Amino acid sequence: MGKELWRPPDYGIIKLNFDASFIQGKKLATIAVLARDYRGEVVGADTCLFEEVGDAFVAEARACERALLFATMIGFRWLILFF
């Protein structure tokens, strides 16, 4: 099974990619969000650090939450989310 390549969204849609890294011993999560348009150009990005994160699942959930909040703040309306 090959790795799927990133593909741009259709015209008028923003694609949000998000991910989290988790350091268990410190209970820290670093989260990144990247928004790209139909040309593949970056139209927005966000990063943040969360403390007292319980586990990697919670870190990924916080990344999804942050991506949706970011999209709302920027005013994006038509989205595709990937993680």
PDB file of N, CA and C in Angstrom:
ATOM      1  N   MET A   1       0.851  -1.183   0.000  1.00  0.00           N
ATOM      2  CA  MET A   1       0.000   0.000   0.000  1.00  0.00           C
ATOM      3  C   MET A   1       0.891   1.240   0.000  1.00  0.00           C
ATOM      4  N   GLY A   2       0.739   2.090  -1.003  1.00  0.00           N
ATOM      5  CA  GLY A   2       1.549   3.300  -1.115  1.00  0.00           C
ATOM      6  C   GLY A   2       0.957   4.447  -0.328  1.00  0.00           C
ATOM      7  N   LYS A   3       1.809   5.397  -0.045  1.00  0.00           N
ATOM      8  CA  LYS A   3       1.348   6.587   0.674  1.00  0.00           C
ATOM      9  C   LYS A   3       0.579   7.496  -0.285  1.00  0.00           C
ATOM     10  N   GLU A   4      -0.567   7.964   0.154  1.00  0.00           N
ATOM     11  CA  GLU A   4      -1.388   8.843  -0.672  1.00  0.00           C
ATOM     12  C   GLU A   4      -0.769  10.233  -0.714  1.00  0.00           C
ATOM     13  N   LEU A   5      -0.718  10.813  -1.910  1.00  0.00           N
ATOM     14  CA  LEU A   5      -0.188  12.159  -2.077  1.00  0.00           C
ATOM     15  C   LEU A   5      -1.246  13.197  -1.741  1.00  0.00           C
ATOM     16  N   TRP A   6      -0.775  14.353  -1.271  1.00  0.00           N
ATOM     17  CA  TRP A   6      -1.694  15.451  -0.996  1.00  0.00           C
ATOM     18  C   TRP A   6      -2.268  15.952  -2.310  1.00  0.00           C
ATOM     19  N   ARG A   7      -3.558  16.181  -2.319  1.00  0.00           N
ATOM     20  CA  ARG A   7      -4.224  16.712  -3.504  1.00  0.00           C
ATOM     21  C   ARG A   7      -4.978  17.978  -3.117  1.00  0.00           C
ATOM     22  N   PRO A   8      -4.940  18.977  -3.966  1.00  0.00           N
ATOM     23  CA  PRO A   8      -5.653  20.223  -3.641  1.00  0.00           C
ATOM     24  C   PRO A   8      -7.160  20.018  -3.704  1.00  0.00           C
ATOM     25  N   PRO A   9      -7.888  20.836  -2.970  1.00  0.00           N
ATOM     26  CA  PRO A   9      -9.352  20.759  -3.010  1.00  0.00           C
ATOM     27  C   PRO A   9      -9.890  21.398  -4.293  1.00  0.00           C
ATOM     28  N   ASP A  10     -11.164  21.253  -4.514  1.00  0.00           N
ATOM     29  CA  ASP A  10     -11.817  21.908  -5.651  1.00  0.00           C
ATOM     30  C   ASP A  10     -11.812  23.422  -5.452  1.00  0.00           C
ATOM     31  N   TYR A  11     -12.041  24.139  -6.542  1.00  0.00           N
ATOM     32  CA  TYR A  11     -12.104  25.598  -6.508  1.00  0.00           C
ATOM     33  C   TYR A  11     -13.141  26.058  -5.469  1.00  0.00           C
ATOM     34  N   GLY A  12     -12.772  27.057  -4.674  1.00  0.00           N
ATOM     35  CA  GLY A  12     -13.678  27.625  -3.686  1.00  0.00           C
ATOM     36  C   GLY A  12     -13.697  26.901  -2.356  1.00  0.00           C
ATOM     37  N   ILE A  13     -12.923  25.833  -2.228  1.00  0.00           N
ATOM     38  CA  ILE A  13     -12.873  25.063  -0.981  1.00  0.00           C
ATOM     39  C   ILE A  13     -11.478  25.177  -0.394  1.00  0.00           C
ATOM     40  N   ILE A  14     -11.406  25.270   0.925  1.00  0.00           N
ATOM     41  CA  ILE A  14     -10.136  25.307   1.647  1.00  0.00           C
ATOM     42  C   ILE A  14      -9.914  23.946   2.284  1.00  0.00           C
ATOM     43  N   LYS A  15      -8.717  23.435   2.149  1.00  0.00           N
ATOM     44  CA  LYS A  15      -8.372  22.160   2.782  1.00  0.00           C
ATOM     45  C   LYS A  15      -7.518  22.452   4.012  1.00  0.00           C
ATOM     46  N   LEU A  16      -7.959  21.942   5.157  1.00  0.00           N
ATOM     47  CA  LEU A  16      -7.221  22.109   6.407  1.00  0.00           C
ATOM     48  C   LEU A  16      -6.521  20.806   6.756  1.00  0.00           C
ATOM     49  N   ASN A  17      -5.209  20.883   6.917  1.00  0.00           N
ATOM     50  CA  ASN A  17      -4.445  19.766   7.453  1.00  0.00           C
ATOM     51  C   ASN A  17      -4.039  20.152   8.864  1.00  0.00           C
ATOM     52  N   PHE A  18      -4.117  19.187   9.773  1.00  0.00           N
ATOM     53  CA  PHE A  18      -3.694  19.460  11.139  1.00  0.00           C
ATOM     54  C   PHE A  18      -3.044  18.224  11.727  1.00  0.00           C
ATOM     55  N   ASP A  19      -2.189  18.461  12.715  1.00  0.00           N
ATOM     56  CA  ASP A  19      -1.511  17.360  13.384  1.00  0.00           C
ATOM     57  C   ASP A  19      -1.034  17.837  14.741  1.00  0.00           C
ATOM     58  N   ALA A  20      -0.685  16.872  15.573  1.00  0.00           N
ATOM     59  CA  ALA A  20      -0.174  17.177  16.906  1.00  0.00           C
ATOM     60  C   ALA A  20       1.022  16.283  17.189  1.00  0.00           C
ATOM     61  N   SER A  21       1.984  16.830  17.896  1.00  0.00           N
ATOM     62  CA  SER A  21       3.062  16.004  18.448  1.00  0.00           C
ATOM     63  C   SER A  21       2.870  16.019  19.961  1.00  0.00           C
ATOM     64  N   PHE A  22       3.200  14.911  20.599  1.00  0.00           N
ATOM     65  CA  PHE A  22       2.927  14.764  22.026  1.00  0.00           C
ATOM     66  C   PHE A  22       4.179  14.272  22.734  1.00  0.00           C
ATOM     67  N   ILE A  23       4.553  14.951  23.819  1.00  0.00           N
ATOM     68  CA  ILE A  23       5.675  14.537  24.653  1.00  0.00           C
ATOM     69  C   ILE A  23       5.084  14.030  25.964  1.00  0.00           C
ATOM     70  N   GLN A  24       5.037  12.710  26.099  1.00  0.00           N
ATOM     71  CA  GLN A  24       4.345  12.089  27.227  1.00  0.00           C
ATOM     72  C   GLN A  24       4.916  12.503  28.585  1.00  0.00           C
ATOM     73  N   GLY A  25       6.252  12.462  28.724  1.00  0.00           N
ATOM     74  CA  GLY A  25       6.871  12.773  30.013  1.00  0.00           C
ATOM     75  C   GLY A  25       6.604  14.190  30.504  1.00  0.00           C
ATOM     76  N   LYS A  26       6.358  15.111  29.585  1.00  0.00           N
ATOM     77  CA  LYS A  26       6.109  16.509  29.939  1.00  0.00           C
ATOM     78  C   LYS A  26       4.646  16.899  29.792  1.00  0.00           C
ATOM     79  N   LYS A  27       3.826  15.985  29.248  1.00  0.00           N
ATOM     80  CA  LYS A  27       2.403  16.247  29.007  1.00  0.00           C
ATOM     81  C   LYS A  27       2.186  17.496  28.147  1.00  0.00           C
ATOM     82  N   LEU A  28       3.035  17.633  27.129  1.00  0.00           N
ATOM     83  CA  LEU A  28       2.963  18.774  26.216  1.00  0.00           C
ATOM     84  C   LEU A  28       2.528  18.308  24.835  1.00  0.00           C
ATOM     85  N   ALA A  29       1.736  19.135  24.191  1.00  0.00           N
ATOM     86  CA  ALA A  29       1.344  18.874  22.806  1.00  0.00           C
ATOM     87  C   ALA A  29       1.603  20.133  21.991  1.00  0.00           C
ATOM     88  N   THR A  30       2.229  19.958  20.853  1.00  0.00           N
ATOM     89  CA  THR A  30       2.408  21.033  19.888  1.00  0.00           C
ATOM     90  C   THR A  30       1.479  20.740  18.724  1.00  0.00           C
ATOM     91  N   ILE A  31       0.716  21.736  18.335  1.00  0.00           N
ATOM     92  CA  ILE A  31      -0.312  21.556  17.310  1.00  0.00           C
ATOM     93  C   ILE A  31      -0.038  22.495  16.145  1.00  0.00           C
ATOM     94  N   ALA A  32      -0.232  21.966  14.938  1.00  0.00           N
ATOM     95  CA  ALA A  32      -0.061  22.767  13.726  1.00  0.00           C
ATOM     96  C   ALA A  32      -1.291  22.615  12.836  1.00  0.00           C
ATOM     97  N   VAL A  33      -1.694  23.731  12.227  1.00  0.00           N
ATOM     98  CA  VAL A  33      -2.810  23.761  11.285  1.00  0.00           C
ATOM     99  C   VAL A  33      -2.319  24.464  10.025  1.00  0.00           C
ATOM    100  N   LEU A  34      -2.630  23.899   8.869  1.00  0.00           N
ATOM    101  CA  LEU A  34      -2.241  24.486   7.596  1.00  0.00           C
ATOM    102  C   LEU A  34      -3.460  24.508   6.681  1.00  0.00           C
ATOM    103  N   ALA A  35      -3.771  25.678   6.134  1.00  0.00           N
ATOM    104  CA  ALA A  35      -4.913  25.847   5.229  1.00  0.00           C
ATOM    105  C   ALA A  35      -4.395  26.145   3.833  1.00  0.00           C
ATOM    106  N   ARG A  36      -4.885  25.371   2.836  1.00  0.00           N
ATOM    107  CA  ARG A  36      -4.463  25.581   1.452  1.00  0.00           C
ATOM    108  C   ARG A  36      -5.678  25.649   0.528  1.00  0.00           C
ATOM    109  N   ASP A  37      -5.510  26.407  -0.540  1.00  0.00           N
ATOM    110  CA  ASP A  37      -6.595  26.585  -1.504  1.00  0.00           C
ATOM    111  C   ASP A  37      -6.465  25.606  -2.668  1.00  0.00           C
ATOM    112  N   TYR A  38      -7.293  25.788  -3.681  1.00  0.00           N
ATOM    113  CA  TYR A  38      -7.343  24.877  -4.822  1.00  0.00           C
ATOM    114  C   TYR A  38      -6.047  24.845  -5.645  1.00  0.00           C
ATOM    115  N   ARG A  39      -5.218  25.875  -5.492  1.00  0.00           N
ATOM    116  CA  ARG A  39      -3.924  25.892  -6.186  1.00  0.00           C
ATOM    117  C   ARG A  39      -2.832  25.242  -5.343  1.00  0.00           C
ATOM    118  N   GLY A  40      -3.182  24.880  -4.106  1.00  0.00           N
ATOM    119  CA  GLY A  40      -2.200  24.319  -3.192  1.00  0.00           C
ATOM    120  C   GLY A  40      -1.437  25.371  -2.427  1.00  0.00           C
ATOM    121  N   GLU A  41      -1.819  26.628  -2.603  1.00  0.00           N
ATOM    122  CA  GLU A  41      -1.134  27.718  -1.916  1.00  0.00           C
ATOM    123  C   GLU A  41      -1.629  27.858  -0.481  1.00  0.00           C
ATOM    124  N   VAL A  42      -0.695  28.138   0.417  1.00  0.00           N
ATOM    125  CA  VAL A  42      -1.038  28.322   1.825  1.00  0.00           C
ATOM    126  C   VAL A  42      -1.804  29.634   1.982  1.00  0.00           C
ATOM    127  N   VAL A  43      -2.991  29.556   2.584  1.00  0.00           N
ATOM    128  CA  VAL A  43      -3.809  30.747   2.815  1.00  0.00           C
ATOM    129  C   VAL A  43      -3.950  31.038   4.311  1.00  0.00           C
ATOM    130  N   GLY A  44      -3.330  30.204   5.135  1.00  0.00           N
ATOM    131  CA  GLY A  44      -3.342  30.434   6.565  1.00  0.00           C
ATOM    132  C   GLY A  44      -2.643  29.300   7.295  1.00  0.00           C
ATOM    133  N   ALA A  45      -2.107  29.621   8.462  1.00  0.00           N
ATOM    134  CA  ALA A  45      -1.429  28.617   9.275  1.00  0.00           C
ATOM    135  C   ALA A  45      -1.516  29.030  10.735  1.00  0.00           C
ATOM    136  N   ASP A  46      -1.442  28.040  11.613  1.00  0.00           N
ATOM    137  CA  ASP A  46      -1.516  28.309  13.048  1.00  0.00           C
ATOM    138  C   ASP A  46      -0.739  27.218  13.776  1.00  0.00           C
ATOM    139  N   THR A  47      -0.078  27.586  14.852  1.00  0.00           N
ATOM    140  CA  THR A  47       0.563  26.623  15.740  1.00  0.00           C
ATOM    141  C   THR A  47       0.269  27.031  17.167  1.00  0.00           C
ATOM    142  N   CYS A  48       0.263  26.063  18.054  1.00  0.00           N
ATOM    143  CA  CYS A  48       0.094  26.393  19.468  1.00  0.00           C
ATOM    144  C   CYS A  48       0.613  25.258  20.336  1.00  0.00           C
ATOM    145  N   LEU A  49       0.851  25.572  21.570  1.00  0.00           N
ATOM    146  CA  LEU A  49       1.366  24.633  22.554  1.00  0.00           C
ATOM    147  C   LEU A  49       0.309  24.456  23.641  1.00  0.00           C
ATOM    148  N   PHE A  50       0.010  23.208  23.968  1.00  0.00           N
ATOM    149  CA  PHE A  50      -0.912  22.896  25.056  1.00  0.00           C
ATOM    150  C   PHE A  50      -0.160  22.165  26.156  1.00  0.00           C
ATOM    151  N   GLU A  51      -0.407  22.570  27.395  1.00  0.00           N
ATOM    152  CA  GLU A  51       0.190  21.916  28.553  1.00  0.00           C
ATOM    153  C   GLU A  51      -0.840  21.022  29.227  1.00  0.00           C
ATOM    154  N   GLU A  52      -0.349  20.091  30.040  1.00  0.00           N
ATOM    155  CA  GLU A  52      -1.196  19.175  30.804  1.00  0.00           C
ATOM    156  C   GLU A  52      -2.136  18.356  29.908  1.00  0.00           C
ATOM    157  N   VAL A  53      -1.589  17.846  28.799  1.00  0.00           N
ATOM    158  CA  VAL A  53      -2.348  16.997  27.884  1.00  0.00           C
ATOM    159  C   VAL A  53      -2.184  15.549  28.341  1.00  0.00           C
ATOM    160  N   GLY A  54      -3.288  14.834  28.484  1.00  0.00           N
ATOM    161  CA  GLY A  54      -3.269  13.487  29.055  1.00  0.00           C
ATOM    162  C   GLY A  54      -2.608  12.429  28.198  1.00  0.00           C
ATOM    163  N   ASP A  55      -2.853  12.440  26.883  1.00  0.00           N
ATOM    164  CA  ASP A  55      -2.275  11.423  26.010  1.00  0.00           C
ATOM    165  C   ASP A  55      -2.328  11.886  24.553  1.00  0.00           C
ATOM    166  N   ALA A  56      -1.807  11.040  23.655  1.00  0.00           N
ATOM    167  CA  ALA A  56      -1.726  11.401  22.244  1.00  0.00           C
ATOM    168  C   ALA A  56      -3.106  11.566  21.617  1.00  0.00           C
ATOM    169  N   PHE A  57      -4.074  10.769  22.041  1.00  0.00           N
ATOM    170  CA  PHE A  57      -5.434  10.891  21.504  1.00  0.00           C
ATOM    171  C   PHE A  57      -6.009  12.271  21.822  1.00  0.00           C
ATOM    172  N   VAL A  58      -5.820  12.728  23.042  1.00  0.00           N
ATOM    173  CA  VAL A  58      -6.294  14.057  23.445  1.00  0.00           C
ATOM    174  C   VAL A  58      -5.573  15.135  22.641  1.00  0.00           C
ATOM    175  N   ALA A  59      -4.277  14.949  22.395  1.00  0.00           N
ATOM    176  CA  ALA A  59      -3.519  15.919  21.598  1.00  0.00           C
ATOM    177  C   ALA A  59      -4.100  16.032  20.192  1.00  0.00           C
ATOM    178  N   GLU A  60      -4.432  14.896  19.567  1.00  0.00           N
ATOM    179  CA  GLU A  60      -5.023  14.929  18.218  1.00  0.00           C
ATOM    180  C   GLU A  60      -6.411  15.570  18.238  1.00  0.00           C
ATOM    181  N   ALA A  61      -7.183  15.289  19.285  1.00  0.00           N
ATOM    182  CA  ALA A  61      -8.509  15.903  19.404  1.00  0.00           C
ATOM    183  C   ALA A  61      -8.393  17.417  19.559  1.00  0.00           C
ATOM    184  N   ARG A  62      -7.415  17.864  20.338  1.00  0.00           N
ATOM    185  CA  ARG A  62      -7.203  19.307  20.502  1.00  0.00           C
ATOM    186  C   ARG A  62      -6.761  19.941  19.179  1.00  0.00           C
ATOM    187  N   ALA A  63      -5.984  19.197  18.379  1.00  0.00           N
ATOM    188  CA  ALA A  63      -5.560  19.704  17.073  1.00  0.00           C
ATOM    189  C   ALA A  63      -6.771  19.899  16.164  1.00  0.00           C
ATOM    190  N   CYS A  64      -7.689  18.953  16.179  1.00  0.00           N
ATOM    191  CA  CYS A  64      -8.905  19.072  15.370  1.00  0.00           C
ATOM    192  C   CYS A  64      -9.732  20.273  15.838  1.00  0.00           C
ATOM    193  N   GLU A  65      -9.875  20.388  17.142  1.00  0.00           N
ATOM    194  CA  GLU A  65     -10.612  21.521  17.707  1.00  0.00           C
ATOM    195  C   GLU A  65      -9.969  22.847  17.287  1.00  0.00           C
ATOM    196  N   ARG A  66      -8.645  22.898  17.373  1.00  0.00           N
ATOM    197  CA  ARG A  66      -7.927  24.130  17.016  1.00  0.00           C
ATOM    198  C   ARG A  66      -8.097  24.463  15.535  1.00  0.00           C
ATOM    199  N   ALA A  67      -8.082  23.436  14.688  1.00  0.00           N
ATOM    200  CA  ALA A  67      -8.275  23.650  13.256  1.00  0.00           C
ATOM    201  C   ALA A  67      -9.649  24.250  12.975  1.00  0.00           C
ATOM    202  N   LEU A  68     -10.664  23.748  13.637  1.00  0.00           N
ATOM    203  CA  LEU A  68     -12.019  24.270  13.428  1.00  0.00           C
ATOM    204  C   LEU A  68     -12.153  25.693  13.969  1.00  0.00           C
ATOM    205  N   LEU A  69     -11.554  25.971  15.112  1.00  0.00           N
ATOM    206  CA  LEU A  69     -11.574  27.333  15.653  1.00  0.00           C
ATOM    207  C   LEU A  69     -10.824  28.297  14.733  1.00  0.00           C
ATOM    208  N   PHE A  70      -9.684  27.851  14.219  1.00  0.00           N
ATOM    209  CA  PHE A  70      -8.900  28.657  13.287  1.00  0.00           C
ATOM    210  C   PHE A  70      -9.731  28.982  12.046  1.00  0.00           C
ATOM    211  N   ALA A  71     -10.382  27.975  11.486  1.00  0.00           N
ATOM    212  CA  ALA A  71     -11.208  28.182  10.289  1.00  0.00           C
ATOM    213  C   ALA A  71     -12.337  29.173  10.562  1.00  0.00           C
ATOM    214  N   THR A  72     -12.936  29.081  11.733  1.00  0.00           N
ATOM    215  CA  THR A  72     -14.014  29.998  12.108  1.00  0.00           C
ATOM    216  C   THR A  72     -13.496  31.427  12.244  1.00  0.00           C
ATOM    217  N   MET A  73     -12.342  31.584  12.899  1.00  0.00           N
ATOM    218  CA  MET A  73     -11.762  32.918  13.093  1.00  0.00           C
ATOM    219  C   MET A  73     -11.399  33.571  11.766  1.00  0.00           C
ATOM    220  N   ILE A  74     -10.878  32.785  10.825  1.00  0.00           N
ATOM    221  CA  ILE A  74     -10.467  33.312   9.530  1.00  0.00           C
ATOM    222  C   ILE A  74     -11.681  33.578   8.635  1.00  0.00           C
ATOM    223  N   GLY A  75     -12.751  32.839   8.867  1.00  0.00           N
ATOM    224  CA  GLY A  75     -13.963  33.032   8.077  1.00  0.00           C
ATOM    225  C   GLY A  75     -14.139  32.029   6.956  1.00  0.00           C
ATOM    226  N   PHE A  76     -13.383  30.931   6.996  1.00  0.00           N
ATOM    227  CA  PHE A  76     -13.560  29.884   5.992  1.00  0.00           C
ATOM    228  C   PHE A  76     -14.916  29.218   6.193  1.00  0.00           C
ATOM    229  N   ARG A  77     -15.610  28.925   5.101  1.00  0.00           N
ATOM    230  CA  ARG A  77     -16.947  28.329   5.187  1.00  0.00           C
ATOM    231  C   ARG A  77     -17.027  26.943   4.562  1.00  0.00           C
ATOM    232  N   TRP A  78     -16.275  26.690   3.485  1.00  0.00           N
ATOM    233  CA  TRP A  78     -16.290  25.398   2.802  1.00  0.00           C
ATOM    234  C   TRP A  78     -14.949  24.725   3.050  1.00  0.00           C
ATOM    235  N   LEU A  79     -14.960  23.654   3.836  1.00  0.00           N
ATOM    236  CA  LEU A  79     -13.726  23.036   4.287  1.00  0.00           C
ATOM    237  C   LEU A  79     -13.683  21.541   4.015  1.00  0.00           C
ATOM    238  N   ILE A  80     -12.453  21.034   3.893  1.00  0.00           N
ATOM    239  CA  ILE A  80     -12.182  19.614   3.946  1.00  0.00           C
ATOM    240  C   ILE A  80     -11.112  19.464   5.031  1.00  0.00           C
ATOM    241  N   LEU A  81     -11.321  18.568   5.995  1.00  0.00           N
ATOM    242  CA  LEU A  81     -10.375  18.370   7.078  1.00  0.00           C
ATOM    243  C   LEU A  81      -9.604  17.065   6.874  1.00  0.00           C
ATOM    244  N   PHE A  82      -8.285  17.128   7.049  1.00  0.00           N
ATOM    245  CA  PHE A  82      -7.436  15.937   6.994  1.00  0.00           C
ATOM    246  C   PHE A  82      -6.503  15.950   8.172  1.00  0.00           C
ATOM    247  N   PHE A  83      -6.276  14.780   8.736  1.00  0.00           N
ATOM    248  CA  PHE A  83      -5.294  14.659   9.815  1.00  0.00           C
ATOM    249  C   PHE A  83      -4.482  13.415   9.638  1.00  0.00           C
TER     250      PHE A  83
END
